[in-house]
Amino acid sequence: MAMLYFVLVPVFLYGYTIAKRVLDIRIVKMDGSNVGLWTMVLREVLGGFLYTITFGIALIVSAFMVGLRRDKRGIHDLIAGTYVTHDRPEHWKQDSKL
C-alpha cells in the first residue's frame, strides 16, 4: 500500500506527497514538468528494487549523493530523470499573482 501512495500521490498532486507539501518541496522531471505515472514507477519501484537487491548499500550511496552532489540527486532521481525542488507548480504561481 505504501508503494502505491508514493507512486500515485505525486502524479495527482503535482509532485507532492503530504510530507513534501509540508516541507514545500516537490518532485519534477528534469525539464521542470510534472511527473507522470511511468516516471514515478521508475523512481519508486525500480529505485526501491535496486536498494533492496543491494541490501541497502545503494541506499547509503544515494544518501551520500544527495548530501554531496551539487544537484542533490540520488540514484532514484538519476534512474527516473527527476529532481526535488522548492518551485511551485506553474499554475499556482499564476494564481498567486491575482
PDB file of N, CA and C in Angstrom:
ATOM      1  N   MET A   1       0.818  -1.197   0.000  1.00  0.00           N
ATOM      2  CA  MET A   1       0.000   0.000   0.000  1.00  0.00           C
ATOM      3  C   MET A   1       0.865   1.266   0.000  1.00  0.00           C
ATOM      4  N   ALA A   2       1.955   1.251   0.755  1.00  0.00           N
ATOM      5  CA  ALA A   2       2.826   2.422   0.818  1.00  0.00           C
ATOM      6  C   ALA A   2       3.406   2.734  -0.557  1.00  0.00           C
ATOM      7  N   MET A   3       3.757   1.699  -1.299  1.00  0.00           N
ATOM      8  CA  MET A   3       4.325   1.911  -2.634  1.00  0.00           C
ATOM      9  C   MET A   3       3.311   2.611  -3.537  1.00  0.00           C
ATOM     10  N   LEU A   4       2.043   2.224  -3.449  1.00  0.00           N
ATOM     11  CA  LEU A   4       1.004   2.897  -4.233  1.00  0.00           C
ATOM     12  C   LEU A   4       0.906   4.375  -3.868  1.00  0.00           C
ATOM     13  N   TYR A   5       1.011   4.670  -2.582  1.00  0.00           N
ATOM     14  CA  TYR A   5       0.972   6.058  -2.121  1.00  0.00           C
ATOM     15  C   TYR A   5       2.108   6.861  -2.743  1.00  0.00           C
ATOM     16  N   PHE A   6       3.328   6.327  -2.663  1.00  0.00           N
ATOM     17  CA  PHE A   6       4.497   7.060  -3.169  1.00  0.00           C
ATOM     18  C   PHE A   6       4.541   7.134  -4.687  1.00  0.00           C
ATOM     19  N   VAL A   7       3.841   6.248  -5.373  1.00  0.00           N
ATOM     20  CA  VAL A   7       3.781   6.301  -6.836  1.00  0.00           C
ATOM     21  C   VAL A   7       2.627   7.182  -7.303  1.00  0.00           C
ATOM     22  N   LEU A   8       1.446   6.999  -6.733  1.00  0.00           N
ATOM     23  CA  LEU A   8       0.256   7.665  -7.254  1.00  0.00           C
ATOM     24  C   LEU A   8       0.048   9.096  -6.753  1.00  0.00           C
ATOM     25  N   VAL A   9       0.290   9.344  -5.482  1.00  0.00           N
ATOM     26  CA  VAL A   9       0.001  10.673  -4.931  1.00  0.00           C
ATOM     27  C   VAL A   9       0.790  11.777  -5.642  1.00  0.00           C
ATOM     28  N   PRO A  10       2.084  11.623  -5.893  1.00  0.00           N
ATOM     29  CA  PRO A  10       2.797  12.694  -6.619  1.00  0.00           C
ATOM     30  C   PRO A  10       2.277  12.922  -8.045  1.00  0.00           C
ATOM     31  N   VAL A  11       1.740  11.887  -8.656  1.00  0.00           N
ATOM     32  CA  VAL A  11       1.199  12.040 -10.006  1.00  0.00           C
ATOM     33  C   VAL A  11      -0.020  12.966  -9.978  1.00  0.00           C
ATOM     34  N   PHE A  12      -0.871  12.810  -8.981  1.00  0.00           N
ATOM     35  CA  PHE A  12      -2.111  13.588  -8.907  1.00  0.00           C
ATOM     36  C   PHE A  12      -1.955  14.923  -8.179  1.00  0.00           C
ATOM     37  N   LEU A  13      -0.916  15.063  -7.363  1.00  0.00           N
ATOM     38  CA  LEU A  13      -0.734  16.294  -6.579  1.00  0.00           C
ATOM     39  C   LEU A  13       0.502  17.084  -7.013  1.00  0.00           C
ATOM     40  N   TYR A  14       0.795  17.082  -8.310  1.00  0.00           N
ATOM     41  CA  TYR A  14       1.866  17.908  -8.882  1.00  0.00           C
ATOM     42  C   TYR A  14       3.232  17.657  -8.259  1.00  0.00           C
ATOM     43  N   GLY A  15       3.535  16.408  -7.932  1.00  0.00           N
ATOM     44  CA  GLY A  15       4.845  16.056  -7.391  1.00  0.00           C
ATOM     45  C   GLY A  15       4.934  16.089  -5.877  1.00  0.00           C
ATOM     46  N   TYR A  16       3.846  16.416  -5.213  1.00  0.00           N
ATOM     47  CA  TYR A  16       3.837  16.476  -3.755  1.00  0.00           C
ATOM     48  C   TYR A  16       3.331  15.166  -3.146  1.00  0.00           C
ATOM     49  N   THR A  17       3.892  14.808  -1.996  1.00  0.00           N
ATOM     50  CA  THR A  17       3.254  13.886  -1.061  1.00  0.00           C
ATOM     51  C   THR A  17       2.856  14.771   0.117  1.00  0.00           C
ATOM     52  N   ILE A  18       2.221  14.227   1.108  1.00  0.00           N
ATOM     53  CA  ILE A  18       1.823  15.056   2.249  1.00  0.00           C
ATOM     54  C   ILE A  18       3.048  15.666   2.920  1.00  0.00           C
ATOM     55  N   ALA A  19       4.066  14.854   3.164  1.00  0.00           N
ATOM     56  CA  ALA A  19       5.278  15.363   3.831  1.00  0.00           C
ATOM     57  C   ALA A  19       6.007  16.379   2.958  1.00  0.00           C
ATOM     58  N   LYS A  20       6.090  16.120   1.667  1.00  0.00           N
ATOM     59  CA  LYS A  20       6.750  17.070   0.773  1.00  0.00           C
ATOM     60  C   LYS A  20       5.981  18.392   0.731  1.00  0.00           C
ATOM     61  N   ARG A  21       4.664  18.341   0.800  1.00  0.00           N
ATOM     62  CA  ARG A  21       3.867  19.576   0.809  1.00  0.00           C
ATOM     63  C   ARG A  21       4.140  20.384   2.075  1.00  0.00           C
ATOM     64  N   VAL A  22       4.238  19.685   3.215  1.00  0.00           N
ATOM     65  CA  VAL A  22       4.546  20.359   4.478  1.00  0.00           C
ATOM     66  C   VAL A  22       5.915  21.033   4.400  1.00  0.00           C
ATOM     67  N   LEU A  23       6.874  20.363   3.776  1.00  0.00           N
ATOM     68  CA  LEU A  23       8.223  20.902   3.636  1.00  0.00           C
ATOM     69  C   LEU A  23       8.372  21.846   2.443  1.00  0.00           C
ATOM     70  N   ASP A  24       7.300  22.009   1.669  1.00  0.00           N
ATOM     71  CA  ASP A  24       7.274  22.873   0.493  1.00  0.00           C
ATOM     72  C   ASP A  24       8.326  22.459  -0.547  1.00  0.00           C
ATOM     73  N   ILE A  25       8.424  21.148  -0.776  1.00  0.00           N
ATOM     74  CA  ILE A  25       9.274  20.606  -1.829  1.00  0.00           C
ATOM     75  C   ILE A  25       8.435  19.659  -2.664  1.00  0.00           C
ATOM     76  N   ARG A  26       8.845  19.468  -3.917  1.00  0.00           N
ATOM     77  CA  ARG A  26       8.110  18.550  -4.779  1.00  0.00           C
ATOM     78  C   ARG A  26       9.038  17.921  -5.803  1.00  0.00           C
ATOM     79  N   ILE A  27       8.587  16.842  -6.398  1.00  0.00           N
ATOM     80  CA  ILE A  27       9.348  16.100  -7.398  1.00  0.00           C
ATOM     81  C   ILE A  27       8.920  16.586  -8.781  1.00  0.00           C
ATOM     82  N   VAL A  28       9.889  16.889  -9.624  1.00  0.00           N
ATOM     83  CA  VAL A  28       9.606  17.274 -11.010  1.00  0.00           C
ATOM     84  C   VAL A  28      10.576  16.558 -11.945  1.00  0.00           C
ATOM     85  N   LYS A  29      10.218  16.497 -13.220  1.00  0.00           N
ATOM     86  CA  LYS A  29      11.123  15.948 -14.230  1.00  0.00           C
ATOM     87  C   LYS A  29      12.245  16.938 -14.474  1.00  0.00           C
ATOM     88  N   MET A  30      13.298  16.501 -15.105  1.00  0.00           N
ATOM     89  CA  MET A  30      14.457  17.356 -15.356  1.00  0.00           C
ATOM     90  C   MET A  30      14.116  18.574 -16.204  1.00  0.00           C
ATOM     91  N   ASP A  31      13.087  18.489 -17.023  1.00  0.00           N
ATOM     92  CA  ASP A  31      12.689  19.642 -17.829  1.00  0.00           C
ATOM     93  C   ASP A  31      11.752  20.580 -17.065  1.00  0.00           C
ATOM     94  N   GLY A  32      11.473  20.269 -15.807  1.00  0.00           N
ATOM     95  CA  GLY A  32      10.630  21.115 -14.970  1.00  0.00           C
ATOM     96  C   GLY A  32       9.155  20.773 -15.023  1.00  0.00           C
ATOM     97  N   SER A  33       8.788  19.811 -15.866  1.00  0.00           N
ATOM     98  CA  SER A  33       7.372  19.438 -15.976  1.00  0.00           C
ATOM     99  C   SER A  33       6.965  18.502 -14.842  1.00  0.00           C
ATOM    100  N   ASN A  34       5.664  18.344 -14.685  1.00  0.00           N
ATOM    101  CA  ASN A  34       5.142  17.476 -13.636  1.00  0.00           C
ATOM    102  C   ASN A  34       5.457  16.016 -13.935  1.00  0.00           C
ATOM    103  N   VAL A  35       5.607  15.235 -12.874  1.00  0.00           N
ATOM    104  CA  VAL A  35       5.893  13.810 -13.028  1.00  0.00           C
ATOM    105  C   VAL A  35       4.638  13.067 -13.472  1.00  0.00           C
ATOM    106  N   GLY A  36       4.856  11.982 -14.189  1.00  0.00           N
ATOM    107  CA  GLY A  36       3.764  11.116 -14.626  1.00  0.00           C
ATOM    108  C   GLY A  36       3.873   9.761 -13.958  1.00  0.00           C
ATOM    109  N   LEU A  37       2.944   8.895 -14.282  1.00  0.00           N
ATOM    110  CA  LEU A  37       2.901   7.572 -13.672  1.00  0.00           C
ATOM    111  C   LEU A  37       4.178   6.775 -13.946  1.00  0.00           C
ATOM    112  N   TRP A  38       4.614   6.750 -15.211  1.00  0.00           N
ATOM    113  CA  TRP A  38       5.813   5.976 -15.559  1.00  0.00           C
ATOM    114  C   TRP A  38       7.054   6.520 -14.839  1.00  0.00           C
ATOM    115  N   THR A  39       7.167   7.815 -14.740  1.00  0.00           N
ATOM    116  CA  THR A  39       8.295   8.433 -14.048  1.00  0.00           C
ATOM    117  C   THR A  39       8.327   8.009 -12.589  1.00  0.00           C
ATOM    118  N   MET A  40       7.178   8.025 -11.938  1.00  0.00           N
ATOM    119  CA  MET A  40       7.117   7.655 -10.519  1.00  0.00           C
ATOM    120  C   MET A  40       7.333   6.156 -10.315  1.00  0.00           C
ATOM    121  N   VAL A  41       6.893   5.336 -11.271  1.00  0.00           N
ATOM    122  CA  VAL A  41       7.173   3.897 -11.179  1.00  0.00           C
ATOM    123  C   VAL A  41       8.675   3.670 -11.249  1.00  0.00           C
ATOM    124  N   LEU A  42       9.345   4.328 -12.182  1.00  0.00           N
ATOM    125  CA  LEU A  42      10.803   4.192 -12.278  1.00  0.00           C
ATOM    126  C   LEU A  42      11.470   4.655 -10.987  1.00  0.00           C
ATOM    127  N   ARG A  43      11.054   5.811 -10.490  1.00  0.00           N
ATOM    128  CA  ARG A  43      11.686   6.409  -9.317  1.00  0.00           C
ATOM    129  C   ARG A  43      11.484   5.559  -8.071  1.00  0.00           C
ATOM    130  N   GLU A  44      10.263   5.164  -7.811  1.00  0.00           N
ATOM    131  CA  GLU A  44       9.946   4.473  -6.558  1.00  0.00           C
ATOM    132  C   GLU A  44      10.107   2.961  -6.636  1.00  0.00           C
ATOM    133  N   VAL A  45       9.564   2.333  -7.675  1.00  0.00           N
ATOM    134  CA  VAL A  45       9.591   0.870  -7.756  1.00  0.00           C
ATOM    135  C   VAL A  45      10.971   0.375  -8.169  1.00  0.00           C
ATOM    136  N   LEU A  46      11.492   0.882  -9.284  1.00  0.00           N
ATOM    137  CA  LEU A  46      12.812   0.428  -9.738  1.00  0.00           C
ATOM    138  C   LEU A  46      13.905   0.859  -8.761  1.00  0.00           C
ATOM    139  N   GLY A  47      13.797   2.103  -8.286  1.00  0.00           N
ATOM    140  CA  GLY A  47      14.764   2.569  -7.278  1.00  0.00           C
ATOM    141  C   GLY A  47      14.703   1.737  -6.015  1.00  0.00           C
ATOM    142  N   GLY A  48      13.494   1.464  -5.530  1.00  0.00           N
ATOM    143  CA  GLY A  48      13.319   0.631  -4.330  1.00  0.00           C
ATOM    144  C   GLY A  48      13.835  -0.782  -4.529  1.00  0.00           C
ATOM    145  N   PHE A  49      13.605  -1.336  -5.728  1.00  0.00           N
ATOM    146  CA  PHE A  49      14.114  -2.665  -6.042  1.00  0.00           C
ATOM    147  C   PHE A  49      15.637  -2.690  -6.009  1.00  0.00           C
ATOM    148  N   LEU A  50      16.256  -1.660  -6.578  1.00  0.00           N
ATOM    149  CA  LEU A  50      17.718  -1.560  -6.565  1.00  0.00           C
ATOM    150  C   LEU A  50      18.245  -1.481  -5.131  1.00  0.00           C
ATOM    151  N   TYR A  51      17.593  -0.681  -4.305  1.00  0.00           N
ATOM    152  CA  TYR A  51      18.011  -0.559  -2.909  1.00  0.00           C
ATOM    153  C   TYR A  51      17.862  -1.895  -2.176  1.00  0.00           C
ATOM    154  N   THR A  52      16.822  -2.648  -2.515  1.00  0.00           N
ATOM    155  CA  THR A  52      16.573  -3.933  -1.860  1.00  0.00           C
ATOM    156  C   THR A  52      17.592  -4.986  -2.282  1.00  0.00           C
ATOM    157  N   ILE A  53      17.852  -5.113  -3.587  1.00  0.00           N
ATOM    158  CA  ILE A  53      18.755  -6.180  -4.038  1.00  0.00           C
ATOM    159  C   ILE A  53      20.207  -5.931  -3.648  1.00  0.00           C
ATOM    160  N   THR A  54      20.541  -4.687  -3.319  1.00  0.00           N
ATOM    161  CA  THR A  54      21.907  -4.387  -2.867  1.00  0.00           C
ATOM    162  C   THR A  54      21.989  -4.363  -1.337  1.00  0.00           C
ATOM    163  N   PHE A  55      20.910  -4.849  -0.701  1.00  0.00           N
ATOM    164  CA  PHE A  55      20.850  -4.919   0.769  1.00  0.00           C
ATOM    165  C   PHE A  55      21.085  -3.556   1.427  1.00  0.00           C
ATOM    166  N   GLY A  56      20.601  -2.508   0.777  1.00  0.00           N
ATOM    167  CA  GLY A  56      20.683  -1.174   1.350  1.00  0.00           C
ATOM    168  C   GLY A  56      21.952  -0.405   1.040  1.00  0.00           C
ATOM    169  N   ILE A  57      22.922  -1.059   0.409  1.00  0.00           N
ATOM    170  CA  ILE A  57      24.176  -0.366   0.094  1.00  0.00           C
ATOM    171  C   ILE A  57      23.916   0.783  -0.877  1.00  0.00           C
ATOM    172  N   ALA A  58      23.079   0.539  -1.902  1.00  0.00           N
ATOM    173  CA  ALA A  58      22.760   1.594  -2.858  1.00  0.00           C
ATOM    174  C   ALA A  58      22.011   2.740  -2.179  1.00  0.00           C
ATOM    175  N   LEU A  59      21.213   2.433  -1.167  1.00  0.00           N
ATOM    176  CA  LEU A  59      20.502   3.476  -0.422  1.00  0.00           C
ATOM    177  C   LEU A  59      21.487   4.372   0.320  1.00  0.00           C
ATOM    178  N   ILE A  60      22.494   3.777   0.906  1.00  0.00           N
ATOM    179  CA  ILE A  60      23.526   4.555   1.606  1.00  0.00           C
ATOM    180  C   ILE A  60      24.303   5.415   0.611  1.00  0.00           C
ATOM    181  N   VAL A  61      24.666   4.827  -0.524  1.00  0.00           N
ATOM    182  CA  VAL A  61      25.355   5.578  -1.568  1.00  0.00           C
ATOM    183  C   VAL A  61      24.477   6.735  -2.039  1.00  0.00           C
ATOM    184  N   SER A  62      23.193   6.477  -2.217  1.00  0.00           N
ATOM    185  CA  SER A  62      22.258   7.506  -2.649  1.00  0.00           C
ATOM    186  C   SER A  62      22.163   8.640  -1.630  1.00  0.00           C
ATOM    187  N   ALA A  63      22.157   8.310  -0.353  1.00  0.00           N
ATOM    188  CA  ALA A  63      22.107   9.335   0.694  1.00  0.00           C
ATOM    189  C   ALA A  63      23.349  10.220   0.626  1.00  0.00           C
ATOM    190  N   PHE A  64      24.504   9.621   0.397  1.00  0.00           N
ATOM    191  CA  PHE A  64      25.727  10.409   0.244  1.00  0.00           C
ATOM    192  C   PHE A  64      25.658  11.283  -1.007  1.00  0.00           C
ATOM    193  N   MET A  65      25.084  10.741  -2.075  1.00  0.00           N
ATOM    194  CA  MET A  65      24.943  11.519  -3.306  1.00  0.00           C
ATOM    195  C   MET A  65      24.092  12.762  -3.066  1.00  0.00           C
ATOM    196  N   VAL A  66      22.977  12.590  -2.380  1.00  0.00           N
ATOM    197  CA  VAL A  66      22.103  13.723  -2.084  1.00  0.00           C
ATOM    198  C   VAL A  66      22.841  14.750  -1.230  1.00  0.00           C
ATOM    199  N   GLY A  67      23.626  14.271  -0.290  1.00  0.00           N
ATOM    200  CA  GLY A  67      24.358  15.180   0.586  1.00  0.00           C
ATOM    201  C   GLY A  67      25.548  15.861  -0.064  1.00  0.00           C
ATOM    202  N   LEU A  68      26.171  15.216  -1.033  1.00  0.00           N
ATOM    203  CA  LEU A  68      27.422  15.727  -1.585  1.00  0.00           C
ATOM    204  C   LEU A  68      27.328  16.300  -2.999  1.00  0.00           C
ATOM    205  N   ARG A  69      26.366  15.851  -3.766  1.00  0.00           N
ATOM    206  CA  ARG A  69      26.249  16.341  -5.146  1.00  0.00           C
ATOM    207  C   ARG A  69      25.696  17.758  -5.175  1.00  0.00           C
ATOM    208  N   ARG A  70      26.142  18.528  -6.098  1.00  0.00           N
ATOM    209  CA  ARG A  70      25.666  19.905  -6.242  1.00  0.00           C
ATOM    210  C   ARG A  70      24.170  19.938  -6.587  1.00  0.00           C
ATOM    211  N   ASP A  71      23.704  18.983  -7.422  1.00  0.00           N
ATOM    212  CA  ASP A  71      22.298  18.964  -7.824  1.00  0.00           C
ATOM    213  C   ASP A  71      21.406  18.201  -6.843  1.00  0.00           C
ATOM    214  N   LYS A  72      21.984  17.589  -5.815  1.00  0.00           N
ATOM    215  CA  LYS A  72      21.248  16.901  -4.741  1.00  0.00           C
ATOM    216  C   LYS A  72      20.368  15.758  -5.241  1.00  0.00           C
ATOM    217  N   ARG A  73      20.783  15.081  -6.320  1.00  0.00           N
ATOM    218  CA  ARG A  73      20.006  13.976  -6.876  1.00  0.00           C
ATOM    219  C   ARG A  73      20.564  12.650  -6.396  1.00  0.00           C
ATOM    220  N   GLY A  74      19.668  11.770  -5.980  1.00  0.00           N
ATOM    221  CA  GLY A  74      20.037  10.425  -5.564  1.00  0.00           C
ATOM    222  C   GLY A  74      19.918   9.456  -6.726  1.00  0.00           C
ATOM    223  N   ILE A  75      20.214   8.196  -6.474  1.00  0.00           N
ATOM    224  CA  ILE A  75      20.155   7.170  -7.518  1.00  0.00           C
ATOM    225  C   ILE A  75      18.753   7.095  -8.118  1.00  0.00           C
ATOM    226  N   HIS A  76      17.723   7.135  -7.274  1.00  0.00           N
ATOM    227  CA  HIS A  76      16.348   7.051  -7.766  1.00  0.00           C
ATOM    228  C   HIS A  76      16.014   8.236  -8.673  1.00  0.00           C
ATOM    229  N   ASP A  77      16.573   9.398  -8.402  1.00  0.00           N
ATOM    230  CA  ASP A  77      16.363  10.554  -9.279  1.00  0.00           C
ATOM    231  C   ASP A  77      17.076  10.374 -10.612  1.00  0.00           C
ATOM    232  N   LEU A  78      18.268   9.831 -10.581  1.00  0.00           N
ATOM    233  CA  LEU A  78      19.012   9.594 -11.821  1.00  0.00           C
ATOM    234  C   LEU A  78      18.296   8.571 -12.694  1.00  0.00           C
ATOM    235  N   ILE A  79      17.740   7.527 -12.075  1.00  0.00           N
ATOM    236  CA  ILE A  79      17.010   6.493 -12.818  1.00  0.00           C
ATOM    237  C   ILE A  79      15.796   7.093 -13.512  1.00  0.00           C
ATOM    238  N   ALA A  80      15.053   7.935 -12.801  1.00  0.00           N
ATOM    239  CA  ALA A  80      13.788   8.448 -13.324  1.00  0.00           C
ATOM    240  C   ALA A  80      13.910   9.782 -14.052  1.00  0.00           C
ATOM    241  N   GLY A  81      15.063  10.427 -13.970  1.00  0.00           N
ATOM    242  CA  GLY A  81      15.215  11.733 -14.597  1.00  0.00           C
ATOM    243  C   GLY A  81      14.427  12.808 -13.870  1.00  0.00           C
ATOM    244  N   THR A  82      14.511  12.788 -12.530  1.00  0.00           N
ATOM    245  CA  THR A  82      13.768  13.735 -11.708  1.00  0.00           C
ATOM    246  C   THR A  82      14.703  14.484 -10.771  1.00  0.00           C
ATOM    247  N   TYR A  83      14.163  15.501 -10.114  1.00  0.00           N
ATOM    248  CA  TYR A  83      14.853  16.175  -9.029  1.00  0.00           C
ATOM    249  C   TYR A  83      13.807  16.761  -8.094  1.00  0.00           C
ATOM    250  N   VAL A  84      14.229  17.145  -6.911  1.00  0.00           N
ATOM    251  CA  VAL A  84      13.330  17.727  -5.921  1.00  0.00           C
ATOM    252  C   VAL A  84      13.602  19.227  -5.867  1.00  0.00           C
ATOM    253  N   THR A  85      12.531  20.016  -5.858  1.00  0.00           N
ATOM    254  CA  THR A  85      12.667  21.460  -5.924  1.00  0.00           C
ATOM    255  C   THR A  85      11.712  22.150  -4.959  1.00  0.00           C
ATOM    256  N   HIS A  86      11.990  23.411  -4.692  1.00  0.00           N
ATOM    257  CA  HIS A  86      11.085  24.249  -3.900  1.00  0.00           C
ATOM    258  C   HIS A  86      10.123  25.017  -4.802  1.00  0.00           C
ATOM    259  N   ASP A  87      10.322  24.962  -6.117  1.00  0.00           N
ATOM    260  CA  ASP A  87       9.464  25.694  -7.052  1.00  0.00           C
ATOM    261  C   ASP A  87       8.039  25.154  -7.002  1.00  0.00           C
ATOM    262  N   ARG A  88       7.098  26.051  -7.052  1.00  0.00           N
ATOM    263  CA  ARG A  88       5.684  25.673  -7.043  1.00  0.00           C
ATOM    264  C   ARG A  88       5.224  25.356  -8.466  1.00  0.00           C
ATOM    265  N   PRO A  89       4.142  24.588  -8.591  1.00  0.00           N
ATOM    266  CA  PRO A  89       3.598  24.338  -9.939  1.00  0.00           C
ATOM    267  C   PRO A  89       3.272  25.643 -10.641  1.00  0.00           C
ATOM    268  N   GLU A  90       3.412  25.655 -11.945  1.00  0.00           N
ATOM    269  CA  GLU A  90       3.262  26.876 -12.738  1.00  0.00           C
ATOM    270  C   GLU A  90       1.895  27.526 -12.535  1.00  0.00           C
ATOM    271  N   HIS A  91       0.830  26.755 -12.509  1.00  0.00           N
ATOM    272  CA  HIS A  91      -0.495  27.366 -12.357  1.00  0.00           C
ATOM    273  C   HIS A  91      -0.702  27.960 -10.965  1.00  0.00           C
ATOM    274  N   TRP A  92       0.036  27.492  -9.954  1.00  0.00           N
ATOM    275  CA  TRP A  92      -0.047  28.091  -8.614  1.00  0.00           C
ATOM    276  C   TRP A  92       0.612  29.456  -8.621  1.00  0.00           C
ATOM    277  N   LYS A  93       1.686  29.601  -9.389  1.00  0.00           N
ATOM    278  CA  LYS A  93       2.371  30.889  -9.478  1.00  0.00           C
ATOM    279  C   LYS A  93       1.455  31.921 -10.124  1.00  0.00           C
ATOM    280  N   GLN A  94       0.739  31.502 -11.174  1.00  0.00           N
ATOM    281  CA  GLN A  94      -0.168  32.402 -11.873  1.00  0.00           C
ATOM    282  C   GLN A  94      -1.323  32.828 -10.969  1.00  0.00           C
ATOM    283  N   ASP A  95      -1.865  31.875 -10.186  1.00  0.00           N
ATOM    284  CA  ASP A  95      -2.971  32.177  -9.288  1.00  0.00           C
ATOM    285  C   ASP A  95      -2.565  33.150  -8.200  1.00  0.00           C
ATOM    286  N   SER A  96      -1.309  33.087  -7.738  1.00  0.00           N
ATOM    287  CA  SER A  96      -0.871  33.949  -6.647  1.00  0.00           C
ATOM    288  C   SER A  96      -0.657  35.398  -7.104  1.00  0.00           C
ATOM    289  N   LYS A  97      -0.581  35.631  -8.416  1.00  0.00           N
ATOM    290  CA  LYS A  97      -0.407  36.973  -8.951  1.00  0.00           C
ATOM    291  C   LYS A  97      -1.708  37.770  -8.946  1.00  0.00           C
ATOM    292  N   LEU A  98      -2.814  37.072  -8.836  1.00  0.00           N
ATOM    293  CA  LEU A  98      -4.123  37.748  -8.904  1.00  0.00           C
ATOM    294  C   LEU A  98      -4.408  38.576  -7.689  1.00  0.00           C
TER     295      LEU A  98
END
